[in-house]
Amino acid sequence: MSGQEAIDALGDKIEYVAQRNGKTVDELKDLLLRDATVHVSTSGDIFFRDDFGGKKP
């Protein structure tokens, strides 16, 4: 998940995910909204995914 979709899906778990990744809630939200390559895994880890301009399968 990424962007606003990730923020919405995390709901009240966003504080846990932010802390797990060494961020404040505001920092995590800003990162998700500002950088489209930032995603959150189902286990709560932040990762970066870029298709380098290619199309999604």
PDB file of N, CA and C in Angstrom:
ATOM      1  N   MET A   1       0.839  -1.172   0.000  1.00  0.00           N
ATOM      2  CA  MET A   1       0.000   0.000   0.000  1.00  0.00           C
ATOM      3  C   MET A   1       0.889   1.241   0.000  1.00  0.00           C
ATOM      4  N   SER A   2       0.346   2.276  -0.554  1.00  0.00           N
ATOM      5  CA  SER A   2       1.082   3.536  -0.554  1.00  0.00           C
ATOM      6  C   SER A   2       0.104   4.702  -0.512  1.00  0.00           C
ATOM      7  N   GLY A   3       0.645   5.895  -0.320  1.00  0.00           N
ATOM      8  CA  GLY A   3      -0.150   7.116  -0.350  1.00  0.00           C
ATOM      9  C   GLY A   3      -1.280   7.143   0.661  1.00  0.00           C
ATOM     10  N   GLN A   4      -2.327   7.860   0.296  1.00  0.00           N
ATOM     11  CA  GLN A   4      -3.492   8.002   1.180  1.00  0.00           C
ATOM     12  C   GLN A   4      -4.144   6.659   1.445  1.00  0.00           C
ATOM     13  N   GLU A   5      -4.088   5.750   0.476  1.00  0.00           N
ATOM     14  CA  GLU A   5      -4.648   4.412   0.656  1.00  0.00           C
ATOM     15  C   GLU A   5      -3.989   3.702   1.849  1.00  0.00           C
ATOM     16  N   ALA A   6      -2.678   3.825   1.957  1.00  0.00           N
ATOM     17  CA  ALA A   6      -1.956   3.199   3.075  1.00  0.00           C
ATOM     18  C   ALA A   6      -2.341   3.847   4.396  1.00  0.00           C
ATOM     19  N   ILE A   7      -2.413   5.172   4.404  1.00  0.00           N
ATOM     20  CA  ILE A   7      -2.790   5.891   5.627  1.00  0.00           C
ATOM     21  C   ILE A   7      -4.173   5.459   6.089  1.00  0.00           C
ATOM     22  N   ASP A   8      -5.111   5.395   5.166  1.00  0.00           N
ATOM     23  CA  ASP A   8      -6.476   4.984   5.501  1.00  0.00           C
ATOM     24  C   ASP A   8      -6.522   3.545   6.000  1.00  0.00           C
ATOM     25  N   ALA A   9      -5.790   2.661   5.328  1.00  0.00           N
ATOM     26  CA  ALA A   9      -5.807   1.246   5.697  1.00  0.00           C
ATOM     27  C   ALA A   9      -5.141   1.002   7.050  1.00  0.00           C
ATOM     28  N   LEU A  10      -4.122   1.774   7.369  1.00  0.00           N
ATOM     29  CA  LEU A  10      -3.435   1.594   8.647  1.00  0.00           C
ATOM     30  C   LEU A  10      -4.310   2.003   9.822  1.00  0.00           C
ATOM     31  N   GLY A  11      -5.141   3.007   9.622  1.00  0.00           N
ATOM     32  CA  GLY A  11      -6.044   3.448  10.684  1.00  0.00           C
ATOM     33  C   GLY A  11      -5.305   3.711  11.978  1.00  0.00           C
ATOM     34  N   ASP A  12      -5.781   3.102  13.076  1.00  0.00           N
ATOM     35  CA  ASP A  12      -5.154   3.351  14.370  1.00  0.00           C
ATOM     36  C   ASP A  12      -3.829   2.610  14.542  1.00  0.00           C
ATOM     37  N   LYS A  13      -3.442   1.791  13.576  1.00  0.00           N
ATOM     38  CA  LYS A  13      -2.157   1.088  13.631  1.00  0.00           C
ATOM     39  C   LYS A  13      -1.016   1.941  13.082  1.00  0.00           C
ATOM     40  N   ILE A  14      -1.334   3.133  12.559  1.00  0.00           N
ATOM     41  CA  ILE A  14      -0.297   3.965  11.961  1.00  0.00           C
ATOM     42  C   ILE A  14       0.768   4.359  12.981  1.00  0.00           C
ATOM     43  N   GLU A  15       0.385   4.537  14.240  1.00  0.00           N
ATOM     44  CA  GLU A  15       1.363   4.888  15.265  1.00  0.00           C
ATOM     45  C   GLU A  15       2.373   3.756  15.456  1.00  0.00           C
ATOM     46  N   TYR A  16       1.893   2.530  15.479  1.00  0.00           N
ATOM     47  CA  TYR A  16       2.768   1.357  15.613  1.00  0.00           C
ATOM     48  C   TYR A  16       3.729   1.274  14.434  1.00  0.00           C
ATOM     49  N   VAL A  17       3.202   1.435  13.219  1.00  0.00           N
ATOM     50  CA  VAL A  17       4.038   1.336  12.011  1.00  0.00           C
ATOM     51  C   VAL A  17       5.072   2.450  11.982  1.00  0.00           C
ATOM     52  N   ALA A  18       4.674   3.653  12.349  1.00  0.00           N
ATOM     53  CA  ALA A  18       5.616   4.778  12.378  1.00  0.00           C
ATOM     54  C   ALA A  18       6.744   4.477  13.367  1.00  0.00           C
ATOM     55  N   GLN A  19       6.382   4.073  14.567  1.00  0.00           N
ATOM     56  CA  GLN A  19       7.377   3.786  15.595  1.00  0.00           C
ATOM     57  C   GLN A  19       8.291   2.644  15.158  1.00  0.00           C
ATOM     58  N   ARG A  20       7.738   1.615  14.570  1.00  0.00           N
ATOM     59  CA  ARG A  20       8.512   0.455  14.095  1.00  0.00           C
ATOM     60  C   ARG A  20       9.573   0.877  13.092  1.00  0.00           C
ATOM     61  N   ASN A  21       9.298   1.944  12.358  1.00  0.00           N
ATOM     62  CA  ASN A  21      10.199   2.407  11.314  1.00  0.00           C
ATOM     63  C   ASN A  21      10.966   3.677  11.694  1.00  0.00           C
ATOM     64  N   GLY A  22      10.970   4.019  12.986  1.00  0.00           N
ATOM     65  CA  GLY A  22      11.746   5.143  13.473  1.00  0.00           C
ATOM     66  C   GLY A  22      11.236   6.504  13.025  1.00  0.00           C
ATOM     67  N   LYS A  23       9.917   6.616  12.845  1.00  0.00           N
ATOM     68  CA  LYS A  23       9.295   7.858  12.389  1.00  0.00           C
ATOM     69  C   LYS A  23       8.193   8.273  13.353  1.00  0.00           C
ATOM     70  N   THR A  24       7.846   9.548  13.298  1.00  0.00           N
ATOM     71  CA  THR A  24       6.635   9.991  13.975  1.00  0.00           C
ATOM     72  C   THR A  24       5.472   9.717  13.022  1.00  0.00           C
ATOM     73  N   VAL A  25       4.267   9.803  13.525  1.00  0.00           N
ATOM     74  CA  VAL A  25       3.092   9.617  12.668  1.00  0.00           C
ATOM     75  C   VAL A  25       3.079  10.663  11.563  1.00  0.00           C
ATOM     76  N   ASP A  26       3.373  11.910  11.927  1.00  0.00           N
ATOM     77  CA  ASP A  26       3.386  12.979  10.922  1.00  0.00           C
ATOM     78  C   ASP A  26       4.460  12.747   9.863  1.00  0.00           C
ATOM     79  N   GLU A  27       5.636  12.278  10.276  1.00  0.00           N
ATOM     80  CA  GLU A  27       6.702  11.991   9.311  1.00  0.00           C
ATOM     81  C   GLU A  27       6.290  10.879   8.358  1.00  0.00           C
ATOM     82  N   LEU A  28       5.667   9.847   8.891  1.00  0.00           N
ATOM     83  CA  LEU A  28       5.229   8.731   8.050  1.00  0.00           C
ATOM     84  C   LEU A  28       4.158   9.175   7.064  1.00  0.00           C
ATOM     85  N   LYS A  29       3.179   9.913   7.546  1.00  0.00           N
ATOM     86  CA  LYS A  29       2.127  10.408   6.654  1.00  0.00           C
ATOM     87  C   LYS A  29       2.708  11.278   5.550  1.00  0.00           C
ATOM     88  N   ASP A  30       3.614  12.187   5.919  1.00  0.00           N
ATOM     89  CA  ASP A  30       4.243  13.067   4.941  1.00  0.00           C
ATOM     90  C   ASP A  30       5.008  12.259   3.902  1.00  0.00           C
ATOM     91  N   LEU A  31       5.753  11.274   4.356  1.00  0.00           N
ATOM     92  CA  LEU A  31       6.526  10.433   3.445  1.00  0.00           C
ATOM     93  C   LEU A  31       5.613   9.683   2.473  1.00  0.00           C
ATOM     94  N   LEU A  32       4.540   9.105   2.990  1.00  0.00           N
ATOM     95  CA  LEU A  32       3.610   8.356   2.139  1.00  0.00           C
ATOM     96  C   LEU A  32       2.917   9.257   1.118  1.00  0.00           C
ATOM     97  N   LEU A  33       2.603  10.467   1.511  1.00  0.00           N
ATOM     98  CA  LEU A  33       1.901  11.378   0.606  1.00  0.00           C
ATOM     99  C   LEU A  33       2.840  12.068  -0.388  1.00  0.00           C
ATOM    100  N   ARG A  34       4.080  12.231  -0.017  1.00  0.00           N
ATOM    101  CA  ARG A  34       5.033  12.976  -0.832  1.00  0.00           C
ATOM    102  C   ARG A  34       5.780  12.097  -1.843  1.00  0.00           C
ATOM    103  N   ASP A  35       6.002  10.830  -1.513  1.00  0.00           N
ATOM    104  CA  ASP A  35       6.837   9.960  -2.326  1.00  0.00           C
ATOM    105  C   ASP A  35       6.054   8.718  -2.754  1.00  0.00           C
ATOM    106  N   ALA A  36       5.704   8.646  -4.016  1.00  0.00           N
ATOM    107  CA  ALA A  36       4.893   7.537  -4.532  1.00  0.00           C
ATOM    108  C   ALA A  36       5.622   6.201  -4.512  1.00  0.00           C
ATOM    109  N   THR A  37       6.940   6.201  -4.317  1.00  0.00           N
ATOM    110  CA  THR A  37       7.680   4.939  -4.276  1.00  0.00           C
ATOM    111  C   THR A  37       7.649   4.308  -2.885  1.00  0.00           C
ATOM    112  N   VAL A  38       7.189   5.053  -1.873  1.00  0.00           N
ATOM    113  CA  VAL A  38       7.143   4.542  -0.500  1.00  0.00           C
ATOM    114  C   VAL A  38       5.886   3.702  -0.315  1.00  0.00           C
ATOM    115  N   HIS A  39       6.079   2.499   0.192  1.00  0.00           N
ATOM    116  CA  HIS A  39       4.985   1.576   0.454  1.00  0.00           C
ATOM    117  C   HIS A  39       5.117   1.023   1.859  1.00  0.00           C
ATOM    118  N   VAL A  40       4.032   0.463   2.369  1.00  0.00           N
ATOM    119  CA  VAL A  40       4.041  -0.208   3.659  1.00  0.00           C
ATOM    120  C   VAL A  40       3.634  -1.652   3.422  1.00  0.00           C
ATOM    121  N   SER A  41       4.457  -2.575   3.920  1.00  0.00           N
ATOM    122  CA  SER A  41       4.153  -3.994   3.772  1.00  0.00           C
ATOM    123  C   SER A  41       3.065  -4.408   4.752  1.00  0.00           C
ATOM    124  N   THR A  42       2.532  -5.590   4.566  1.00  0.00           N
ATOM    125  CA  THR A  42       1.494  -6.098   5.464  1.00  0.00           C
ATOM    126  C   THR A  42       2.039  -6.334   6.869  1.00  0.00           C
ATOM    127  N   SER A  43       3.363  -6.471   6.993  1.00  0.00           N
ATOM    128  CA  SER A  43       3.966  -6.652   8.315  1.00  0.00           C
ATOM    129  C   SER A  43       4.339  -5.331   8.971  1.00  0.00           C
ATOM    130  N   GLY A  44       4.115  -4.199   8.270  1.00  0.00           N
ATOM    131  CA  GLY A  44       4.363  -2.889   8.847  1.00  0.00           C
ATOM    132  C   GLY A  44       5.718  -2.295   8.533  1.00  0.00           C
ATOM    133  N   ASP A  45       6.426  -2.870   7.571  1.00  0.00           N
ATOM    134  CA  ASP A  45       7.724  -2.333   7.175  1.00  0.00           C
ATOM    135  C   ASP A  45       7.562  -1.341   6.030  1.00  0.00           C
ATOM    136  N   ILE A  46       8.359  -0.269   6.073  1.00  0.00           N
ATOM    137  CA  ILE A  46       8.395   0.695   4.976  1.00  0.00           C
ATOM    138  C   ILE A  46       9.389   0.179   3.939  1.00  0.00           C
ATOM    139  N   PHE A  47       8.991   0.236   2.679  1.00  0.00           N
ATOM    140  CA  PHE A  47       9.925  -0.109   1.607  1.00  0.00           C
ATOM    141  C   PHE A  47       9.670   0.802   0.420  1.00  0.00           C
ATOM    142  N   PHE A  48      10.649   0.853  -0.461  1.00  0.00           N
ATOM    143  CA  PHE A  48      10.565   1.702  -1.647  1.00  0.00           C
ATOM    144  C   PHE A  48      10.457   0.807  -2.872  1.00  0.00           C
ATOM    145  N   ARG A  49       9.480   1.112  -3.731  1.00  0.00           N
ATOM    146  CA  ARG A  49       9.281   0.338  -4.955  1.00  0.00           C
ATOM    147  C   ARG A  49       9.133   1.308  -6.111  1.00  0.00           C
ATOM    148  N   ASP A  50       9.942   1.106  -7.123  1.00  0.00           N
ATOM    149  CA  ASP A  50       9.895   1.965  -8.301  1.00  0.00           C
ATOM    150  C   ASP A  50       9.936   1.082  -9.532  1.00  0.00           C
ATOM    151  N   ASP A  51       9.058   1.325 -10.455  1.00  0.00           N
ATOM    152  CA  ASP A  51       9.037   0.531 -11.683  1.00  0.00           C
ATOM    153  C   ASP A  51       9.910   1.152 -12.768  1.00  0.00           C
ATOM    154  N   PHE A  52      10.644   2.214 -12.425  1.00  0.00           N
ATOM    155  CA  PHE A  52      11.556   2.882 -13.349  1.00  0.00           C
ATOM    156  C   PHE A  52      10.869   3.285 -14.639  1.00  0.00           C
ATOM    157  N   GLY A  53       9.629   3.709 -14.516  1.00  0.00           N
ATOM    158  CA  GLY A  53       8.879   4.204 -15.677  1.00  0.00           C
ATOM    159  C   GLY A  53       8.189   3.117 -16.476  1.00  0.00           C
ATOM    160  N   GLY A  54       8.329   1.876 -16.077  1.00  0.00           N
ATOM    161  CA  GLY A  54       7.683   0.776 -16.791  1.00  0.00           C
ATOM    162  C   GLY A  54       6.230   0.639 -16.402  1.00  0.00           C
ATOM    163  N   LYS A  55       5.521  -0.169 -17.151  1.00  0.00           N
ATOM    164  CA  LYS A  55       4.113  -0.405 -16.842  1.00  0.00           C
ATOM    165  C   LYS A  55       3.983  -1.521 -15.839  1.00  0.00           C
ATOM    166  N   LYS A  56       2.957  -1.428 -15.016  1.00  0.00           N
ATOM    167  CA  LYS A  56       2.679  -2.496 -14.059  1.00  0.00           C
ATOM    168  C   LYS A  56       2.149  -3.704 -14.807  1.00  0.00           C
ATOM    169  N   PRO A  57       2.522  -4.895 -14.334  1.00  0.00           N
ATOM    170  CA  PRO A  57       2.038  -6.122 -15.005  1.00  0.00           C
ATOM    171  C   PRO A  57       0.548  -6.300 -14.885  1.00  0.00           C
TER     172      PRO A  57
END
